[in-house]
Amino acid sequence: MLEVTALGWTLTIGVIVALLALDLTLGVLRPHAVGFREAAAWSIFYIAVAVAFGVVFGQIAGWDFGAQYFAGYIVEKSLSVDNLFVFVIIMSTFAVPEKYQQEVLTFGIIIALVMRVIFIALGATLLNLFSFMFLIFGLLLIFTAVQLFRHRDEDPDVEDNALVKATKRFLPVTDDYIGGKMITRVDGRRVVTPMFVVLIAIGSSDLLFALDSIPAVFGVTDEAFIVFVANAFALLGLRALFFLVKGLLDRLVYLSVGLSIILAFIGAKLVLHWLHVDINTSVPEIPTPLSLVVIVVILAVTTIASLMKSKRDPDSKAHAGSLRAKSSKDERQAH
């Protein structure tokens, strides 16, 4: 079992808060359109920080825990790319001006981090109290994988989101983005801007992704500290990654397929772990190093196959995938 001292937690949280403050400063206090070179530099920086942390952590805690961290980080990073698909859909649906996209992304990352901290604490508590939660989490991931694979060629309907619909129904919303504000006054009346609605959409999508990603990362490690840092470092680079890959996302045509396979694999790993612990110790478990190799191979094959497909068929377009089918009304509107 991993033992992390109060000093270890304090230093780690301090680094993450400092990086988050840096992201907040860049994204909110200095709104501007982000170019490819800037996005690439910051993406490399955040990945380098995450890798450096993993190397130091592996040397201090042992490479068994180090491998768990890297497996968790890669899982969360791959899921965050799918999250970017949804962010792109939200940005385009609500026509967010380019200079305000950094602000939206930064607040989206903060919301995601807060939600995941809550779910990590809840998940760790449930797993410690009830071992059958490994089975529940495993079945949840397998169900999610099946749904994602079935609807891999669809995108989630952002405007059909219940919170977005309720916001538009019960709150006065302006037509224009007014200086990037969320709440303002027009003719003496307090109103919300489309920026407020966008953050509602981002926050609700963060909630759905937290429900999938937390069981997924618990599938490669049951250490709450590793789950937390893997999520934190994967999310911190999301703002820069968005601007780096948003023009390339359409080419990742098999990403939803790859993610569904990864989620099914981790779900099976959790079920096997429950069978090994609660039913019969002769049931084999999937070791973390093997999980890491499988996940990396699936992502590599998915990426290469996607790029080859895009080269052969330039008109092919990637989709975020959905956990439910579109209604007949949605399909009629699409056509």
C-alpha atoms as a PDB file:
ATOM      1  CA  MET A   1       0.000   0.000   0.000  1.00  0.00           C
ATOM      2  CA  LEU A   2       1.272   3.455  -0.913  1.00  0.00           C
ATOM      3  CA  GLU A   3       1.932   5.740   2.031  1.00  0.00           C
ATOM      4  CA  VAL A   4       2.072   9.433   1.218  1.00  0.00           C
ATOM      5  CA  THR A   5       3.101  11.828   3.971  1.00  0.00           C
ATOM      6  CA  ALA A   6       1.337  15.102   4.686  1.00  0.00           C
ATOM      7  CA  LEU A   7       4.387  16.862   3.245  1.00  0.00           C
ATOM      8  CA  GLY A   8       4.111  14.776   0.059  1.00  0.00           C
ATOM      9  CA  TRP A   9       0.446  15.696  -0.367  1.00  0.00           C
ATOM     10  CA  THR A  10       1.182  19.355   0.407  1.00  0.00           C
ATOM     11  CA  LEU A  11       4.034  19.617  -2.109  1.00  0.00           C
ATOM     12  CA  THR A  12       2.055  17.814  -4.822  1.00  0.00           C
ATOM     13  CA  ILE A  13      -1.063  19.931  -4.351  1.00  0.00           C
ATOM     14  CA  GLY A  14       1.133  23.046  -4.233  1.00  0.00           C
ATOM     15  CA  VAL A  15       2.665  22.205  -7.635  1.00  0.00           C
ATOM     16  CA  ILE A  16      -0.765  21.498  -9.145  1.00  0.00           C
ATOM     17  CA  VAL A  17      -2.274  24.720  -7.725  1.00  0.00           C
ATOM     18  CA  ALA A  18       0.711  26.724  -9.049  1.00  0.00           C
ATOM     19  CA  LEU A  19       0.262  25.217 -12.530  1.00  0.00           C
ATOM     20  CA  LEU A  20      -3.486  25.834 -12.326  1.00  0.00           C
ATOM     21  CA  ALA A  21      -2.840  29.478 -11.355  1.00  0.00           C
ATOM     22  CA  LEU A  22      -0.500  29.782 -14.347  1.00  0.00           C
ATOM     23  CA  ASP A  23      -3.191  28.320 -16.609  1.00  0.00           C
ATOM     24  CA  LEU A  24      -5.786  30.681 -15.111  1.00  0.00           C
ATOM     25  CA  THR A  25      -3.529  33.681 -15.681  1.00  0.00           C
ATOM     26  CA  LEU A  26      -2.909  32.753 -19.307  1.00  0.00           C
ATOM     27  CA  GLY A  27      -6.493  31.807 -20.083  1.00  0.00           C
ATOM     28  CA  VAL A  28      -8.556  34.398 -18.207  1.00  0.00           C
ATOM     29  CA  LEU A  29      -6.465  37.457 -17.396  1.00  0.00           C
ATOM     30  CA  ARG A  30      -4.843  37.570 -20.833  1.00  0.00           C
ATOM     31  CA  PRO A  31      -7.532  36.462 -23.334  1.00  0.00           C
ATOM     32  CA  HIS A  32      -6.171  36.102 -26.869  1.00  0.00           C
ATOM     33  CA  ALA A  33      -6.279  33.807 -29.875  1.00  0.00           C
ATOM     34  CA  VAL A  34      -3.760  30.989 -29.371  1.00  0.00           C
ATOM     35  CA  GLY A  35      -1.492  30.093 -32.284  1.00  0.00           C
ATOM     36  CA  PHE A  36      -0.048  26.681 -33.141  1.00  0.00           C
ATOM     37  CA  ARG A  37       3.465  27.486 -31.865  1.00  0.00           C
ATOM     38  CA  GLU A  38       2.231  28.711 -28.469  1.00  0.00           C
ATOM     39  CA  ALA A  39      -0.121  25.718 -28.085  1.00  0.00           C
ATOM     40  CA  ALA A  40       2.676  23.281 -29.008  1.00  0.00           C
ATOM     41  CA  ALA A  41       5.110  24.852 -26.517  1.00  0.00           C
ATOM     42  CA  TRP A  42       2.647  24.703 -23.617  1.00  0.00           C
ATOM     43  CA  SER A  43       1.532  21.154 -24.514  1.00  0.00           C
ATOM     44  CA  ILE A  44       5.148  19.955 -24.462  1.00  0.00           C
ATOM     45  CA  PHE A  45       5.673  21.791 -21.148  1.00  0.00           C
ATOM     46  CA  TYR A  46       2.695  20.141 -19.410  1.00  0.00           C
ATOM     47  CA  ILE A  47       3.547  16.672 -20.732  1.00  0.00           C
ATOM     48  CA  ALA A  48       7.172  17.159 -19.623  1.00  0.00           C
ATOM     49  CA  VAL A  49       6.015  18.176 -16.128  1.00  0.00           C
ATOM     50  CA  ALA A  50       3.760  15.093 -15.918  1.00  0.00           C
ATOM     51  CA  VAL A  51       6.565  12.774 -17.086  1.00  0.00           C
ATOM     52  CA  ALA A  52       9.086  14.391 -14.723  1.00  0.00           C
ATOM     53  CA  PHE A  53       6.670  13.926 -11.820  1.00  0.00           C
ATOM     54  CA  GLY A  54       6.220  10.267 -12.769  1.00  0.00           C
ATOM     55  CA  VAL A  55       9.986   9.661 -12.890  1.00  0.00           C
ATOM     56  CA  VAL A  56      10.552  11.312  -9.497  1.00  0.00           C
ATOM     57  CA  PHE A  57       7.517   9.539  -8.027  1.00  0.00           C
ATOM     58  CA  GLY A  58       8.688   6.162  -9.379  1.00  0.00           C
ATOM     59  CA  GLN A  59      12.157   6.644  -7.870  1.00  0.00           C
ATOM     60  CA  ILE A  60      10.721   7.580  -4.468  1.00  0.00           C
ATOM     61  CA  ALA A  61       7.729   5.210  -4.206  1.00  0.00           C
ATOM     62  CA  GLY A  62       8.990   2.339  -6.373  1.00  0.00           C
ATOM     63  CA  TRP A  63       8.417   1.545 -10.023  1.00  0.00           C
ATOM     64  CA  ASP A  64       5.363  -0.614  -9.378  1.00  0.00           C
ATOM     65  CA  PHE A  65       3.566   2.541  -8.246  1.00  0.00           C
ATOM     66  CA  GLY A  66       5.365   4.491 -10.973  1.00  0.00           C
ATOM     67  CA  ALA A  67       3.915   2.157 -13.624  1.00  0.00           C
ATOM     68  CA  GLN A  68       0.454   2.611 -12.091  1.00  0.00           C
ATOM     69  CA  TYR A  69       0.845   6.389 -12.359  1.00  0.00           C
ATOM     70  CA  PHE A  70       1.904   6.290 -16.012  1.00  0.00           C
ATOM     71  CA  ALA A  71      -0.898   3.833 -16.884  1.00  0.00           C
ATOM     72  CA  GLY A  72      -3.434   6.084 -15.136  1.00  0.00           C
ATOM     73  CA  TYR A  73      -2.028   9.209 -16.781  1.00  0.00           C
ATOM     74  CA  ILE A  74      -2.189   7.684 -20.273  1.00  0.00           C
ATOM     75  CA  VAL A  75      -5.777   6.486 -19.703  1.00  0.00           C
ATOM     76  CA  GLU A  76      -6.863   9.919 -18.491  1.00  0.00           C
ATOM     77  CA  LYS A  77      -4.982  11.713 -21.274  1.00  0.00           C
ATOM     78  CA  SER A  78      -6.648   9.550 -23.923  1.00  0.00           C
ATOM     79  CA  LEU A  79     -10.079  10.151 -22.388  1.00  0.00           C
ATOM     80  CA  SER A  80      -9.328  13.879 -22.226  1.00  0.00           C
ATOM     81  CA  VAL A  81      -8.817  13.913 -26.011  1.00  0.00           C
ATOM     82  CA  ASP A  82     -12.383  12.616 -26.373  1.00  0.00           C
ATOM     83  CA  ASN A  83     -13.403  15.343 -23.933  1.00  0.00           C
ATOM     84  CA  LEU A  84     -11.827  17.831 -26.353  1.00  0.00           C
ATOM     85  CA  PHE A  85     -14.206  16.613 -29.063  1.00  0.00           C
ATOM     86  CA  VAL A  86     -17.122  17.672 -26.888  1.00  0.00           C
ATOM     87  CA  PHE A  87     -15.453  21.006 -26.091  1.00  0.00           C
ATOM     88  CA  VAL A  88     -15.070  21.668 -29.834  1.00  0.00           C
ATOM     89  CA  ILE A  89     -18.751  20.826 -30.375  1.00  0.00           C
ATOM     90  CA  ILE A  90     -19.777  23.165 -27.537  1.00  0.00           C
ATOM     91  CA  MET A  91     -17.555  25.998 -28.825  1.00  0.00           C
ATOM     92  CA  SER A  92     -18.944  25.705 -32.360  1.00  0.00           C
ATOM     93  CA  THR A  93     -22.569  25.228 -31.254  1.00  0.00           C
ATOM     94  CA  PHE A  94     -22.511  28.433 -29.197  1.00  0.00           C
ATOM     95  CA  ALA A  95     -20.135  30.281 -31.556  1.00  0.00           C
ATOM     96  CA  VAL A  96     -17.685  31.219 -28.801  1.00  0.00           C
ATOM     97  CA  PRO A  97     -15.362  34.000 -30.046  1.00  0.00           C
ATOM     98  CA  GLU A  98     -11.795  32.729 -30.382  1.00  0.00           C
ATOM     99  CA  LYS A  99     -10.383  35.219 -27.867  1.00  0.00           C
ATOM    100  CA  TYR A 100     -12.728  33.885 -25.150  1.00  0.00           C
ATOM    101  CA  GLN A 101     -12.112  30.181 -25.804  1.00  0.00           C
ATOM    102  CA  GLN A 102      -9.131  30.105 -23.417  1.00  0.00           C
ATOM    103  CA  GLU A 103     -11.298  31.446 -20.595  1.00  0.00           C
ATOM    104  CA  VAL A 104     -13.994  28.830 -21.224  1.00  0.00           C
ATOM    105  CA  LEU A 105     -11.419  26.041 -21.328  1.00  0.00           C
ATOM    106  CA  THR A 106      -9.676  27.177 -18.140  1.00  0.00           C
ATOM    107  CA  PHE A 107     -12.914  27.315 -16.167  1.00  0.00           C
ATOM    108  CA  GLY A 108     -13.908  23.973 -17.693  1.00  0.00           C
ATOM    109  CA  ILE A 109     -10.652  22.437 -16.447  1.00  0.00           C
ATOM    110  CA  ILE A 110     -11.172  23.863 -12.949  1.00  0.00           C
ATOM    111  CA  ILE A 111     -14.726  22.496 -12.835  1.00  0.00           C
ATOM    112  CA  ALA A 112     -13.497  19.098 -14.060  1.00  0.00           C
ATOM    113  CA  LEU A 113     -10.730  19.002 -11.447  1.00  0.00           C
ATOM    114  CA  VAL A 114     -13.130  19.844  -8.597  1.00  0.00           C
ATOM    115  CA  MET A 115     -15.638  17.221  -9.743  1.00  0.00           C
ATOM    116  CA  ARG A 116     -12.963  14.565 -10.087  1.00  0.00           C
ATOM    117  CA  VAL A 117     -11.562  15.278  -6.610  1.00  0.00           C
ATOM    118  CA  ILE A 118     -15.077  14.680  -5.246  1.00  0.00           C
ATOM    119  CA  PHE A 119     -15.517  11.474  -7.268  1.00  0.00           C
ATOM    120  CA  ILE A 120     -12.025  10.240  -6.345  1.00  0.00           C
ATOM    121  CA  ALA A 121     -12.770  10.651  -2.629  1.00  0.00           C
ATOM    122  CA  LEU A 122     -16.154   8.956  -3.064  1.00  0.00           C
ATOM    123  CA  GLY A 123     -14.750   6.152  -5.224  1.00  0.00           C
ATOM    124  CA  ALA A 124     -11.837   5.434  -2.865  1.00  0.00           C
ATOM    125  CA  THR A 125     -14.196   5.342   0.121  1.00  0.00           C
ATOM    126  CA  LEU A 126     -16.621   2.960  -1.609  1.00  0.00           C
ATOM    127  CA  LEU A 127     -13.810   0.625  -2.761  1.00  0.00           C
ATOM    128  CA  ASN A 128     -12.367   0.508   0.776  1.00  0.00           C
ATOM    129  CA  LEU A 129     -15.764  -0.205   2.339  1.00  0.00           C
ATOM    130  CA  PHE A 130     -17.266  -2.546  -0.247  1.00  0.00           C
ATOM    131  CA  SER A 131     -15.084  -4.807  -2.393  1.00  0.00           C
ATOM    132  CA  PHE A 132     -18.040  -5.554  -4.709  1.00  0.00           C
ATOM    133  CA  MET A 133     -17.681  -1.960  -5.964  1.00  0.00           C
ATOM    134  CA  PHE A 134     -14.868  -3.313  -8.173  1.00  0.00           C
ATOM    135  CA  LEU A 135     -17.553  -5.414  -9.886  1.00  0.00           C
ATOM    136  CA  ILE A 136     -19.939  -2.436 -10.135  1.00  0.00           C
ATOM    137  CA  PHE A 137     -17.237  -0.176 -11.584  1.00  0.00           C
ATOM    138  CA  GLY A 138     -16.164  -2.910 -13.997  1.00  0.00           C
ATOM    139  CA  LEU A 139     -19.688  -3.522 -15.287  1.00  0.00           C
ATOM    140  CA  LEU A 140     -20.253   0.256 -15.572  1.00  0.00           C
ATOM    141  CA  LEU A 141     -17.149   0.590 -17.769  1.00  0.00           C
ATOM    142  CA  ILE A 142     -18.123  -2.394 -19.933  1.00  0.00           C
ATOM    143  CA  PHE A 143     -21.630  -0.943 -20.401  1.00  0.00           C
ATOM    144  CA  THR A 144     -20.114   2.454 -21.279  1.00  0.00           C
ATOM    145  CA  ALA A 145     -17.731   0.777 -23.749  1.00  0.00           C
ATOM    146  CA  VAL A 146     -20.593  -1.046 -25.488  1.00  0.00           C
ATOM    147  CA  GLN A 147     -22.695   2.130 -25.740  1.00  0.00           C
ATOM    148  CA  LEU A 148     -19.750   4.172 -26.991  1.00  0.00           C
ATOM    149  CA  PHE A 149     -18.968   1.552 -29.650  1.00  0.00           C
ATOM    150  CA  ARG A 150     -22.609   1.315 -30.757  1.00  0.00           C
ATOM    151  CA  HIS A 151     -22.880   5.096 -31.180  1.00  0.00           C
ATOM    152  CA  ARG A 152     -19.254   5.716 -32.251  1.00  0.00           C
ATOM    153  CA  ASP A 153     -20.323   7.603 -35.385  1.00  0.00           C
ATOM    154  CA  GLU A 154     -22.489  10.103 -33.509  1.00  0.00           C
ATOM    155  CA  ASP A 155     -21.855  13.285 -31.518  1.00  0.00           C
ATOM    156  CA  PRO A 156     -23.573  14.240 -28.259  1.00  0.00           C
ATOM    157  CA  ASP A 157     -26.378  16.761 -28.679  1.00  0.00           C
ATOM    158  CA  VAL A 158     -25.171  19.713 -26.608  1.00  0.00           C
ATOM    159  CA  GLU A 159     -28.350  21.783 -26.859  1.00  0.00           C
ATOM    160  CA  ASP A 160     -30.425  18.783 -25.750  1.00  0.00           C
ATOM    161  CA  ASN A 161     -28.585  18.904 -22.406  1.00  0.00           C
ATOM    162  CA  ALA A 162     -31.163  19.231 -19.605  1.00  0.00           C
ATOM    163  CA  LEU A 163     -29.161  21.884 -17.694  1.00  0.00           C
ATOM    164  CA  VAL A 164     -28.619  23.956 -20.848  1.00  0.00           C
ATOM    165  CA  LYS A 165     -32.325  23.785 -21.719  1.00  0.00           C
ATOM    166  CA  ALA A 166     -33.289  24.759 -18.150  1.00  0.00           C
ATOM    167  CA  THR A 167     -30.850  27.697 -18.171  1.00  0.00           C
ATOM    168  CA  LYS A 168     -32.282  29.037 -21.420  1.00  0.00           C
ATOM    169  CA  ARG A 169     -35.819  28.530 -20.191  1.00  0.00           C
ATOM    170  CA  PHE A 170     -35.585  30.120 -16.732  1.00  0.00           C
ATOM    171  CA  LEU A 171     -32.863  32.768 -17.164  1.00  0.00           C
ATOM    172  CA  PRO A 172     -32.762  35.772 -19.521  1.00  0.00           C
ATOM    173  CA  VAL A 173     -29.886  35.190 -21.955  1.00  0.00           C
ATOM    174  CA  THR A 174     -28.372  37.902 -24.152  1.00  0.00           C
ATOM    175  CA  ASP A 175     -27.714  37.276 -27.836  1.00  0.00           C
ATOM    176  CA  ASP A 176     -24.127  38.554 -27.731  1.00  0.00           C
ATOM    177  CA  TYR A 177     -20.965  37.826 -25.747  1.00  0.00           C
ATOM    178  CA  ILE A 178     -20.562  41.060 -23.771  1.00  0.00           C
ATOM    179  CA  GLY A 179     -16.869  41.476 -22.982  1.00  0.00           C
ATOM    180  CA  GLY A 180     -16.567  37.825 -22.007  1.00  0.00           C
ATOM    181  CA  LYS A 181     -18.750  38.387 -18.913  1.00  0.00           C
ATOM    182  CA  MET A 182     -21.055  35.680 -17.575  1.00  0.00           C
ATOM    183  CA  ILE A 183     -23.546  37.994 -15.828  1.00  0.00           C
ATOM    184  CA  THR A 184     -24.200  41.627 -16.718  1.00  0.00           C
ATOM    185  CA  ARG A 185     -26.877  44.306 -16.768  1.00  0.00           C
ATOM    186  CA  VAL A 186     -28.786  45.351 -19.878  1.00  0.00           C
ATOM    187  CA  ASP A 187     -31.256  48.257 -19.533  1.00  0.00           C
ATOM    188  CA  GLY A 188     -31.004  47.938 -15.753  1.00  0.00           C
ATOM    189  CA  ARG A 189     -31.936  44.244 -15.843  1.00  0.00           C
ATOM    190  CA  ARG A 190     -29.549  41.528 -14.670  1.00  0.00           C
ATOM    191  CA  VAL A 191     -29.042  38.949 -17.426  1.00  0.00           C
ATOM    192  CA  VAL A 192     -26.682  36.102 -18.268  1.00  0.00           C
ATOM    193  CA  THR A 193     -24.628  35.936 -21.448  1.00  0.00           C
ATOM    194  CA  PRO A 194     -24.023  32.965 -23.754  1.00  0.00           C
ATOM    195  CA  MET A 195     -20.715  32.533 -21.861  1.00  0.00           C
ATOM    196  CA  PHE A 196     -22.739  31.435 -18.805  1.00  0.00           C
ATOM    197  CA  VAL A 197     -24.653  28.888 -20.893  1.00  0.00           C
ATOM    198  CA  VAL A 198     -21.395  27.584 -22.388  1.00  0.00           C
ATOM    199  CA  LEU A 199     -19.941  27.015 -18.911  1.00  0.00           C
ATOM    200  CA  ILE A 200     -23.101  25.133 -17.920  1.00  0.00           C
ATOM    201  CA  ALA A 201     -22.636  22.888 -20.973  1.00  0.00           C
ATOM    202  CA  ILE A 202     -18.922  22.420 -20.231  1.00  0.00           C
ATOM    203  CA  GLY A 203     -19.579  21.641 -16.548  1.00  0.00           C
ATOM    204  CA  SER A 204     -22.270  19.061 -17.294  1.00  0.00           C
ATOM    205  CA  SER A 205     -20.022  17.340 -19.856  1.00  0.00           C
ATOM    206  CA  ASP A 206     -17.233  17.331 -17.244  1.00  0.00           C
ATOM    207  CA  LEU A 207     -19.607  15.553 -14.879  1.00  0.00           C
ATOM    208  CA  LEU A 208     -20.330  12.809 -17.426  1.00  0.00           C
ATOM    209  CA  PHE A 209     -16.634  12.334 -18.193  1.00  0.00           C
ATOM    210  CA  ALA A 210     -15.811  12.142 -14.465  1.00  0.00           C
ATOM    211  CA  LEU A 211     -18.358   9.327 -14.112  1.00  0.00           C
ATOM    212  CA  ASP A 212     -16.402   7.337 -16.740  1.00  0.00           C
ATOM    213  CA  SER A 213     -12.823   8.372 -16.096  1.00  0.00           C
ATOM    214  CA  ILE A 214     -12.699   7.798 -12.333  1.00  0.00           C
ATOM    215  CA  PRO A 215     -13.742   4.098 -12.516  1.00  0.00           C
ATOM    216  CA  ALA A 216     -11.349   3.752 -15.483  1.00  0.00           C
ATOM    217  CA  VAL A 217      -8.315   5.000 -13.587  1.00  0.00           C
ATOM    218  CA  PHE A 218      -9.272   2.950 -10.506  1.00  0.00           C
ATOM    219  CA  GLY A 219      -9.005   0.011 -12.877  1.00  0.00           C
ATOM    220  CA  VAL A 220      -5.242   0.494 -13.135  1.00  0.00           C
ATOM    221  CA  THR A 221      -4.592   1.574  -9.542  1.00  0.00           C
ATOM    222  CA  ASP A 222      -6.540   1.580  -6.287  1.00  0.00           C
ATOM    223  CA  GLU A 223      -4.307   4.258  -4.740  1.00  0.00           C
ATOM    224  CA  ALA A 224      -6.263   7.511  -4.298  1.00  0.00           C
ATOM    225  CA  PHE A 225      -3.061   9.608  -4.511  1.00  0.00           C
ATOM    226  CA  ILE A 226      -2.144   8.138  -7.911  1.00  0.00           C
ATOM    227  CA  VAL A 227      -5.712   8.537  -9.174  1.00  0.00           C
ATOM    228  CA  PHE A 228      -5.633  12.199  -8.123  1.00  0.00           C
ATOM    229  CA  VAL A 229      -2.269  13.117  -9.676  1.00  0.00           C
ATOM    230  CA  ALA A 230      -2.989  11.174 -12.894  1.00  0.00           C
ATOM    231  CA  ASN A 231      -6.232  13.111 -13.326  1.00  0.00           C
ATOM    232  CA  ALA A 232      -4.720  16.451 -12.339  1.00  0.00           C
ATOM    233  CA  PHE A 233      -1.748  16.279 -14.715  1.00  0.00           C
ATOM    234  CA  ALA A 234      -3.908  14.970 -17.573  1.00  0.00           C
ATOM    235  CA  LEU A 235      -6.353  17.865 -17.145  1.00  0.00           C
ATOM    236  CA  LEU A 236      -3.780  20.626 -16.671  1.00  0.00           C
ATOM    237  CA  GLY A 237      -2.529  20.384 -20.243  1.00  0.00           C
ATOM    238  CA  LEU A 238      -6.011  20.291 -21.713  1.00  0.00           C
ATOM    239  CA  ARG A 239      -6.239  24.007 -22.530  1.00  0.00           C
ATOM    240  CA  ALA A 240      -3.076  24.050 -24.643  1.00  0.00           C
ATOM    241  CA  LEU A 241      -3.874  20.644 -26.157  1.00  0.00           C
ATOM    242  CA  PHE A 242      -7.250  21.946 -27.341  1.00  0.00           C
ATOM    243  CA  PHE A 243      -5.650  24.629 -29.509  1.00  0.00           C
ATOM    244  CA  LEU A 244      -2.938  22.238 -30.702  1.00  0.00           C
ATOM    245  CA  VAL A 245      -5.167  19.418 -31.912  1.00  0.00           C
ATOM    246  CA  LYS A 246      -8.563  21.003 -32.642  1.00  0.00           C
ATOM    247  CA  GLY A 247      -7.671  21.081 -36.331  1.00  0.00           C
ATOM    248  CA  LEU A 248      -6.544  17.447 -36.215  1.00  0.00           C
ATOM    249  CA  LEU A 249      -9.435  15.947 -34.237  1.00  0.00           C
ATOM    250  CA  ASP A 250     -11.477  15.280 -37.365  1.00  0.00           C
ATOM    251  CA  ARG A 251      -8.728  12.905 -38.558  1.00  0.00           C
ATOM    252  CA  LEU A 252      -8.922  10.642 -35.466  1.00  0.00           C
ATOM    253  CA  VAL A 253     -11.789   8.682 -37.003  1.00  0.00           C
ATOM    254  CA  TYR A 254     -11.256   5.554 -34.888  1.00  0.00           C
ATOM    255  CA  LEU A 255     -10.681   7.293 -31.535  1.00  0.00           C
ATOM    256  CA  SER A 256     -14.122   6.323 -30.187  1.00  0.00           C
ATOM    257  CA  VAL A 257     -13.484   2.697 -31.164  1.00  0.00           C
ATOM    258  CA  GLY A 258     -10.091   2.723 -29.425  1.00  0.00           C
ATOM    259  CA  LEU A 259     -11.508   4.296 -26.279  1.00  0.00           C
ATOM    260  CA  SER A 260     -14.380   1.800 -26.162  1.00  0.00           C
ATOM    261  CA  ILE A 261     -11.853  -1.078 -26.337  1.00  0.00           C
ATOM    262  CA  ILE A 262      -9.743   0.495 -23.569  1.00  0.00           C
ATOM    263  CA  LEU A 263     -12.790   0.998 -21.325  1.00  0.00           C
ATOM    264  CA  ALA A 264     -13.928  -2.610 -21.937  1.00  0.00           C
ATOM    265  CA  PHE A 265     -10.411  -3.896 -21.161  1.00  0.00           C
ATOM    266  CA  ILE A 266     -10.210  -1.946 -17.889  1.00  0.00           C
ATOM    267  CA  GLY A 267     -13.753  -3.023 -17.009  1.00  0.00           C
ATOM    268  CA  ALA A 268     -12.755  -6.674 -17.506  1.00  0.00           C
ATOM    269  CA  LYS A 269      -9.665  -6.055 -15.357  1.00  0.00           C
ATOM    270  CA  LEU A 270     -11.853  -4.746 -12.518  1.00  0.00           C
ATOM    271  CA  VAL A 271     -14.237  -7.711 -12.775  1.00  0.00           C
ATOM    272  CA  LEU A 272     -11.309 -10.168 -12.686  1.00  0.00           C
ATOM    273  CA  HIS A 273      -9.898  -8.354  -9.655  1.00  0.00           C
ATOM    274  CA  TRP A 274     -13.249  -8.714  -7.848  1.00  0.00           C
ATOM    275  CA  LEU A 275     -13.435 -12.420  -8.749  1.00  0.00           C
ATOM    276  CA  HIS A 276      -9.853 -12.935  -7.526  1.00  0.00           C
ATOM    277  CA  VAL A 277     -10.433 -11.152  -4.205  1.00  0.00           C
ATOM    278  CA  ASP A 278     -14.016 -12.160  -3.356  1.00  0.00           C
ATOM    279  CA  ILE A 279     -14.666 -15.440  -5.170  1.00  0.00           C
ATOM    280  CA  ASN A 280     -11.530 -17.464  -5.858  1.00  0.00           C
ATOM    281  CA  THR A 281      -7.857 -16.482  -5.663  1.00  0.00           C
ATOM    282  CA  SER A 282      -7.128 -18.847  -8.569  1.00  0.00           C
ATOM    283  CA  VAL A 283      -8.873 -16.398 -10.935  1.00  0.00           C
ATOM    284  CA  PRO A 284      -6.056 -14.605 -12.798  1.00  0.00           C
ATOM    285  CA  GLU A 285      -5.545 -10.846 -12.536  1.00  0.00           C
ATOM    286  CA  ILE A 286      -4.185  -8.506 -15.202  1.00  0.00           C
ATOM    287  CA  PRO A 287      -0.932  -6.932 -13.934  1.00  0.00           C
ATOM    288  CA  THR A 288      -0.375  -3.173 -14.267  1.00  0.00           C
ATOM    289  CA  PRO A 289       2.649  -3.442 -16.635  1.00  0.00           C
ATOM    290  CA  LEU A 290       0.544  -5.534 -19.035  1.00  0.00           C
ATOM    291  CA  SER A 291      -2.298  -2.992 -18.750  1.00  0.00           C
ATOM    292  CA  LEU A 292       0.117  -0.192 -19.621  1.00  0.00           C
ATOM    293  CA  VAL A 293       1.367  -2.062 -22.706  1.00  0.00           C
ATOM    294  CA  VAL A 294      -2.161  -2.934 -23.877  1.00  0.00           C
ATOM    295  CA  ILE A 295      -3.394   0.661 -23.489  1.00  0.00           C
ATOM    296  CA  VAL A 296      -0.382   2.128 -25.333  1.00  0.00           C
ATOM    297  CA  VAL A 297      -0.715  -0.426 -28.163  1.00  0.00           C
ATOM    298  CA  ILE A 298      -4.452   0.247 -28.564  1.00  0.00           C
ATOM    299  CA  LEU A 299      -3.866   4.007 -28.716  1.00  0.00           C
ATOM    300  CA  ALA A 300      -0.983   3.609 -31.185  1.00  0.00           C
ATOM    301  CA  VAL A 301      -2.984   1.304 -33.483  1.00  0.00           C
ATOM    302  CA  THR A 302      -6.027   3.596 -33.227  1.00  0.00           C
ATOM    303  CA  THR A 303      -4.005   6.691 -34.154  1.00  0.00           C
ATOM    304  CA  ILE A 304      -2.135   5.037 -37.060  1.00  0.00           C
ATOM    305  CA  ALA A 305      -5.315   3.436 -38.439  1.00  0.00           C
ATOM    306  CA  SER A 306      -7.152   6.779 -38.153  1.00  0.00           C
ATOM    307  CA  LEU A 307      -4.465   8.678 -40.051  1.00  0.00           C
ATOM    308  CA  MET A 308      -4.339   5.997 -42.759  1.00  0.00           C
ATOM    309  CA  LYS A 309      -8.140   6.103 -43.107  1.00  0.00           C
ATOM    310  CA  SER A 310      -8.100   9.917 -43.332  1.00  0.00           C
ATOM    311  CA  LYS A 311      -5.417   9.776 -46.018  1.00  0.00           C
ATOM    312  CA  ARG A 312      -7.393   7.248 -48.110  1.00  0.00           C
ATOM    313  CA  ASP A 313     -10.723   8.988 -47.526  1.00  0.00           C
ATOM    314  CA  PRO A 314     -10.246  12.755 -46.900  1.00  0.00           C
ATOM    315  CA  ASP A 315     -14.008  13.177 -46.482  1.00  0.00           C
ATOM    316  CA  SER A 316     -14.146  10.853 -43.465  1.00  0.00           C
ATOM    317  CA  LYS A 317     -14.766  12.690 -40.217  1.00  0.00           C
ATOM    318  CA  ALA A 318     -14.213  11.668 -36.618  1.00  0.00           C
ATOM    319  CA  HIS A 319     -16.971  11.816 -34.011  1.00  0.00           C
ATOM    320  CA  ALA A 320     -16.860  12.128 -30.236  1.00  0.00           C
ATOM    321  CA  GLY A 321     -19.195   9.163 -29.823  1.00  0.00           C
ATOM    322  CA  SER A 322     -22.322   9.176 -27.712  1.00  0.00           C
ATOM    323  CA  LEU A 323     -23.705   7.062 -24.894  1.00  0.00           C
ATOM    324  CA  ARG A 324     -27.205   7.126 -26.349  1.00  0.00           C
ATOM    325  CA  ALA A 325     -28.741   7.145 -29.797  1.00  0.00           C
ATOM    326  CA  LYS A 326     -30.114  10.331 -31.261  1.00  0.00           C
ATOM    327  CA  SER A 327     -33.875  10.688 -31.149  1.00  0.00           C
ATOM    328  CA  SER A 328     -35.827  10.554 -34.400  1.00  0.00           C
ATOM    329  CA  LYS A 329     -36.343  14.313 -34.033  1.00  0.00           C
ATOM    330  CA  ASP A 330     -32.582  14.881 -33.863  1.00  0.00           C
ATOM    331  CA  GLU A 331     -32.043  12.680 -36.909  1.00  0.00           C
ATOM    332  CA  ARG A 332     -34.652  14.571 -38.924  1.00  0.00           C
ATOM    333  CA  GLN A 333     -33.002  17.886 -38.000  1.00  0.00           C
ATOM    334  CA  ALA A 334     -29.590  16.514 -38.988  1.00  0.00           C
ATOM    335  CA  HIS A 335     -30.940  15.653 -42.433  1.00  0.00           C
END
